[in-house]
Amino acid sequence: MFVLAGTLWLVAGALTTLLPSIPLHRSATKGKKRRSFLQTLTAGLEFIRKDRPTLEAVLHDVLVSVGMSSLVVIIPFYLERVLGTSKENTVFVFAPAAVGLVLGLRLAPRVSHLVGERMAAFIAVTTFGFCIFALGFIEQTYWLFNDVLRLPLDQITDFLQISPAVFLTMLVTVPAGMSMSIVNVAARSILLHRTPGYVRGQVIASQGLIGNIIGLVPTLLAGLATDLFGVIPVAVGIAVLIIAGGVYARHLGNTRSDDSEKIALAPA
C-alpha cells in the first residue's frame, strides 16, 4: 500500500510538468518591501487573521479534517463495541462514504451557487457534525427511522442479511462524505477567490499547517478518551465540538477585523 501510494504521488508530480505555465500576478508585488524569512513564513497566517471570511473558511475545513482524523482513531472500537462486528469490516461498513464524496463533488458547485460558498461550507460542517452525532445514537436513530417514520428498514436489512446498526451506519456515512466534499470545495474556492496571487501559496500552506497543529491533540486524545469514557461519549463529544466550532467560525466570518488594513482581494 505504501509503495502504491508513493508511486501515485510520483506519477502525479510528473504529470504537473505537462501543465501550461500561468502568468504570475507580478503587478501585485510591485512596490512591496522585501520580506524577511520569518515574514514569509507568517504572511499566510497574517492574511488569514485579517480577512475574516478567509478565516471562517479555513476553520470550517480544519474542523472537518480534525473530526475525520479523530474518527479514524475510534472507528475500530466503534465497529467492535457498538456494531458488534470485526474491525476488519471497516472498509465494507464505511465504503458508502466514497459515494458521498463523489456526490459532494458534483453537488458542491450547485449548492454554492444557491446559498453562497460561505453558507454552503457552514451547512456542510453542521451536517457532518450531525452525522457523527447520529453514529453516537445509532440504535435510537434506527428506532426513529423504522418505528416512528415507518421507513422499511427491517425489510431491507432482512433482505441484505446485515444487522440494522451496520446498515444505518452505512447510510449515515453517505451524507457525511458528501459534507466533507462540499466543505473542501467551498473553503478552497473562498481561499482562491479572496487571496491575491502574491500570498496565495502561503495562505494555502498555512491552512494545512493550522489543520495539522490543531488536529494533533484531538487525534492523540481520541484513543485515550475512548478507553476511559467509551466510544459513544467520544463520538458525541466530537460531534458537539464540530457543530459548536462551525457556529463560532460562522460568527467570526460575520464580524469585522480590528485591523484597519484593507484586504486586497484576488482579481475576478
Protein backbone atom coordinates (compact mmCIF):
# COMPACT_ATOMS: atom_id res chain seq x y z
CA MET A 1 0.00 0.00 0.00
CA PHE A 2 2.81 2.42 0.85
CA VAL A 3 4.62 1.58 -2.38
CA LEU A 4 1.43 2.10 -4.38
CA ALA A 5 0.70 5.43 -2.68
CA GLY A 6 4.26 6.63 -3.21
CA THR A 7 4.15 5.62 -6.86
CA LEU A 8 0.92 7.53 -7.40
CA TRP A 9 2.47 10.64 -5.82
CA LEU A 10 5.44 10.37 -8.17
CA VAL A 11 3.16 9.97 -11.18
CA ALA A 12 1.09 12.98 -10.10
CA GLY A 13 4.25 15.03 -9.65
CA ALA A 14 5.50 14.04 -13.09
CA LEU A 15 2.16 14.96 -14.70
CA THR A 16 2.42 18.50 -13.33
CA THR A 17 5.30 19.10 -15.75
CA LEU A 18 2.77 18.82 -18.58
CA LEU A 19 0.65 21.69 -17.25
CA PRO A 20 0.89 25.02 -19.10
CA SER A 21 2.58 27.89 -17.32
CA ILE A 22 0.39 30.53 -15.67
CA PRO A 23 1.49 34.19 -15.61
CA LEU A 24 2.12 35.42 -12.09
CA HIS A 25 0.35 38.46 -10.71
CA ARG A 26 3.54 40.47 -10.84
CA SER A 27 1.71 43.76 -10.52
CA ALA A 28 0.51 42.74 -7.07
CA THR A 29 4.07 42.58 -5.77
CA LYS A 30 5.26 45.90 -7.16
CA GLY A 31 6.07 48.48 -4.57
CA LYS A 32 6.08 45.96 -1.72
CA LYS A 33 9.03 45.76 0.61
CA ARG A 34 11.26 42.73 0.54
CA ARG A 35 10.10 40.38 3.28
CA SER A 36 12.33 38.56 5.70
CA PHE A 37 12.29 34.79 6.07
CA LEU A 38 10.07 34.99 9.16
CA GLN A 39 7.69 37.38 7.43
CA THR A 40 7.44 34.98 4.51
CA LEU A 41 6.51 32.15 6.85
CA THR A 42 3.88 34.21 8.66
CA ALA A 43 2.44 36.02 5.61
CA GLY A 44 -0.30 33.44 5.14
CA LEU A 45 -1.24 33.45 8.81
CA GLU A 46 -1.41 37.24 8.82
CA PHE A 47 -3.70 37.34 5.81
CA ILE A 48 -5.99 34.70 7.33
CA ARG A 49 -6.13 36.65 10.60
CA LYS A 50 -7.05 39.92 8.87
CA ASP A 51 -9.63 38.55 6.43
CA ARG A 52 -12.48 37.09 8.47
CA PRO A 53 -14.29 35.24 5.62
CA THR A 54 -11.00 33.50 4.81
CA LEU A 55 -10.55 32.64 8.49
CA GLU A 56 -14.07 31.22 8.54
CA ALA A 57 -13.36 29.04 5.50
CA VAL A 58 -10.09 27.77 6.97
CA LEU A 59 -11.74 26.89 10.30
CA HIS A 60 -14.59 25.04 8.58
CA ASP A 61 -12.14 22.98 6.55
CA VAL A 62 -9.97 22.31 9.61
CA LEU A 63 -12.98 21.21 11.68
CA VAL A 64 -13.92 18.53 9.16
CA SER A 65 -10.30 17.38 8.83
CA VAL A 66 -9.84 17.16 12.60
CA GLY A 67 -13.17 15.39 13.02
CA MET A 68 -12.27 12.84 10.36
CA SER A 69 -8.83 12.25 11.90
CA SER A 70 -10.41 11.65 15.30
CA LEU A 71 -12.97 9.29 13.81
CA VAL A 72 -10.27 7.20 12.18
CA VAL A 73 -8.86 6.54 15.65
CA ILE A 74 -12.14 5.40 17.21
CA ILE A 75 -13.61 3.54 14.21
CA PRO A 76 -12.06 0.13 15.15
CA PHE A 77 -13.51 0.44 18.67
CA TYR A 78 -16.86 1.57 17.24
CA LEU A 79 -17.11 -1.48 14.99
CA GLU A 80 -16.35 -3.93 17.78
CA ARG A 81 -18.12 -2.34 20.76
CA VAL A 82 -21.15 -0.69 19.13
CA LEU A 83 -21.81 -2.53 15.88
CA GLY A 84 -20.64 -5.90 17.16
CA THR A 85 -18.59 -6.66 14.06
CA SER A 86 -14.92 -7.16 13.36
CA LYS A 87 -12.68 -4.17 12.74
CA GLU A 88 -11.61 -5.89 9.52
CA ASN A 89 -15.02 -4.85 8.14
CA THR A 90 -14.11 -1.16 8.27
CA VAL A 91 -13.86 -0.85 4.50
CA PHE A 92 -17.20 -2.60 3.98
CA VAL A 93 -19.09 -0.52 6.56
CA PHE A 94 -17.66 2.86 5.56
CA ALA A 95 -17.40 2.26 1.80
CA PRO A 96 -20.60 4.29 1.12
CA ALA A 97 -18.71 7.37 2.31
CA ALA A 98 -16.85 7.25 -1.02
CA VAL A 99 -20.20 7.52 -2.80
CA GLY A 100 -20.95 10.57 -0.68
CA LEU A 101 -17.60 12.12 -1.59
CA VAL A 102 -18.37 11.79 -5.30
CA LEU A 103 -21.88 13.18 -4.85
CA GLY A 104 -20.48 16.07 -2.86
CA LEU A 105 -18.05 16.96 -5.63
CA ARG A 106 -20.93 17.05 -8.10
CA LEU A 107 -23.29 18.99 -5.84
CA ALA A 108 -20.81 21.49 -4.37
CA PRO A 109 -20.99 24.00 -7.26
CA ARG A 110 -24.79 23.92 -7.30
CA VAL A 111 -25.12 24.29 -3.54
CA SER A 112 -22.60 27.15 -3.52
CA HIS A 113 -24.50 28.86 -6.33
CA LEU A 114 -27.81 28.57 -4.46
CA VAL A 115 -26.77 29.65 -0.96
CA GLY A 116 -23.27 31.06 -1.41
CA GLU A 117 -19.93 29.42 -0.68
CA ARG A 118 -19.73 30.52 2.95
CA MET A 119 -23.22 29.26 3.78
CA ALA A 120 -22.56 26.05 1.85
CA ALA A 121 -19.46 25.36 3.95
CA PHE A 122 -21.35 26.14 7.17
CA ILE A 123 -24.28 23.87 6.29
CA ALA A 124 -21.91 21.07 5.30
CA VAL A 125 -19.93 21.36 8.56
CA THR A 126 -23.06 21.18 10.70
CA THR A 127 -24.38 18.28 8.61
CA PHE A 128 -21.10 16.44 9.11
CA GLY A 129 -21.39 17.04 12.86
CA PHE A 130 -24.97 15.73 12.99
CA CYS A 131 -23.90 12.62 11.05
CA ILE A 132 -21.31 11.85 13.72
CA PHE A 133 -23.91 12.62 16.38
CA ALA A 134 -26.21 10.04 14.77
CA LEU A 135 -23.42 7.46 14.95
CA GLY A 136 -23.31 8.02 18.71
CA PHE A 137 -27.03 7.16 18.97
CA ILE A 138 -27.26 4.60 16.19
CA GLU A 139 -29.87 2.42 17.93
CA GLN A 140 -32.10 5.39 18.76
CA THR A 141 -31.70 6.70 15.21
CA TYR A 142 -32.74 3.35 13.81
CA TRP A 143 -35.82 3.34 16.08
CA LEU A 144 -36.71 6.84 14.84
CA PHE A 145 -36.47 5.91 11.16
CA ASN A 146 -38.01 2.44 11.41
CA ASP A 147 -40.69 2.74 14.12
CA VAL A 148 -41.59 6.42 14.11
CA LEU A 149 -41.11 7.44 10.48
CA ARG A 150 -42.15 3.97 9.30
CA LEU A 151 -39.30 3.53 6.83
CA PRO A 152 -38.94 -0.13 5.73
CA LEU A 153 -35.51 -0.61 7.29
CA ASP A 154 -36.36 -4.01 8.80
CA GLN A 155 -37.34 -5.39 5.40
CA ILE A 156 -34.21 -4.00 3.79
CA THR A 157 -31.86 -5.37 6.45
CA ASP A 158 -33.56 -8.77 6.31
CA PHE A 159 -33.14 -8.86 2.55
CA LEU A 160 -29.46 -7.79 2.72
CA GLN A 161 -28.83 -10.05 5.73
CA ILE A 162 -26.91 -7.43 7.71
CA SER A 163 -27.59 -6.03 11.14
CA PRO A 164 -29.75 -2.89 11.40
CA ALA A 165 -26.97 -0.95 13.15
CA VAL A 166 -24.47 -1.73 10.40
CA PHE A 167 -26.95 -0.81 7.67
CA LEU A 168 -27.84 2.53 9.26
CA THR A 169 -24.17 3.32 9.81
CA MET A 170 -23.55 2.74 6.11
CA LEU A 171 -26.41 5.11 5.28
CA VAL A 172 -25.11 7.82 7.62
CA THR A 173 -21.67 7.75 6.04
CA VAL A 174 -23.11 8.89 2.69
CA PRO A 175 -24.15 12.41 3.81
CA ALA A 176 -21.02 12.56 5.95
CA GLY A 177 -18.80 12.01 2.91
CA MET A 178 -20.89 14.41 0.86
CA SER A 179 -20.49 17.10 3.52
CA MET A 180 -16.72 16.63 3.55
CA SER A 181 -16.53 17.24 -0.21
CA ILE A 182 -18.74 20.34 -0.07
CA VAL A 183 -16.70 21.86 2.75
CA ASN A 184 -13.42 21.22 0.98
CA VAL A 185 -14.63 22.62 -2.35
CA ALA A 186 -16.34 25.66 -0.83
CA ALA A 187 -13.46 26.51 1.51
CA ARG A 188 -10.84 26.20 -1.21
CA SER A 189 -12.96 28.32 -3.58
CA ILE A 190 -13.16 31.06 -0.95
CA LEU A 191 -9.41 30.95 -0.42
CA LEU A 192 -8.65 31.15 -4.13
CA HIS A 193 -11.12 33.99 -4.65
CA ARG A 194 -10.07 36.16 -1.73
CA THR A 195 -6.30 35.70 -1.71
CA PRO A 196 -4.15 37.72 -4.15
CA GLY A 197 -1.52 35.85 -6.11
CA TYR A 198 1.50 37.02 -4.14
CA VAL A 199 0.25 35.43 -0.90
CA ARG A 200 -1.96 32.62 -2.15
CA GLY A 201 0.64 29.89 -1.71
CA GLN A 202 1.36 30.97 1.87
CA VAL A 203 -2.34 31.02 2.73
CA ILE A 204 -2.93 27.51 1.40
CA ALA A 205 0.19 26.26 3.19
CA SER A 206 -0.96 27.96 6.40
CA GLN A 207 -4.31 26.20 6.09
CA GLY A 208 -2.53 22.85 6.11
CA LEU A 209 -0.31 23.96 8.98
CA ILE A 210 -3.28 25.01 11.10
CA GLY A 211 -5.07 21.76 10.40
CA ASN A 212 -2.06 19.64 11.38
CA ILE A 213 -1.35 21.57 14.58
CA ILE A 214 -4.96 21.78 15.77
CA GLY A 215 -5.69 18.18 14.79
CA LEU A 216 -2.67 16.73 16.60
CA VAL A 217 -4.02 16.91 20.16
CA PRO A 218 -7.60 15.67 19.46
CA THR A 219 -6.26 12.78 17.41
CA LEU A 220 -3.88 11.74 20.18
CA LEU A 221 -6.55 12.08 22.87
CA ALA A 222 -9.32 10.29 20.95
CA GLY A 223 -7.97 6.81 21.62
CA LEU A 224 -7.27 7.54 25.27
CA ALA A 225 -10.70 9.08 25.79
CA THR A 226 -12.32 6.03 24.17
CA ASP A 227 -10.70 3.72 26.72
CA LEU A 228 -11.71 5.99 29.61
CA PHE A 229 -15.24 7.03 28.65
CA GLY A 230 -16.33 4.69 25.88
CA VAL A 231 -16.91 5.03 22.15
CA ILE A 232 -20.34 6.67 22.18
CA PRO A 233 -19.47 9.59 24.51
CA VAL A 234 -16.36 10.33 22.45
CA ALA A 235 -18.31 10.26 19.17
CA VAL A 236 -20.96 12.56 20.62
CA GLY A 237 -18.27 14.86 22.00
CA ILE A 238 -16.59 15.09 18.59
CA ALA A 239 -19.94 15.93 17.01
CA VAL A 240 -20.72 18.67 19.55
CA LEU A 241 -17.28 20.23 19.12
CA ILE A 242 -17.61 20.26 15.32
CA ILE A 243 -21.07 21.85 15.40
CA ALA A 244 -20.07 24.42 18.02
CA GLY A 245 -16.87 25.19 16.13
CA GLY A 246 -18.80 25.65 12.90
CA VAL A 247 -21.18 28.13 14.57
CA TYR A 248 -18.23 30.02 16.08
CA ALA A 249 -16.43 30.15 12.73
CA ARG A 250 -19.59 31.50 11.12
CA HIS A 251 -19.76 34.18 13.82
CA LEU A 252 -16.14 35.16 13.16
CA GLY A 253 -16.82 35.41 9.45
CA ASN A 254 -19.60 37.89 10.08
CA THR A 255 -17.51 40.19 12.26
CA ARG A 256 -15.11 42.88 11.17
CA SER A 257 -11.41 42.60 11.83
CA ASP A 258 -9.87 45.03 14.30
CA ASP A 259 -7.06 45.59 11.82
CA SER A 260 -7.83 48.58 9.64
CA GLU A 261 -5.55 47.45 6.82
CA LYS A 262 -7.52 46.90 3.63
CA ILE A 263 -7.51 43.39 2.22
CA ALA A 264 -6.61 43.25 -1.46
CA LEU A 265 -8.79 40.52 -2.97
CA ALA A 266 -7.70 38.37 -5.85
CA PRO A 267 -8.82 39.62 -9.27
CA ALA A 268 -12.04 38.06 -10.59
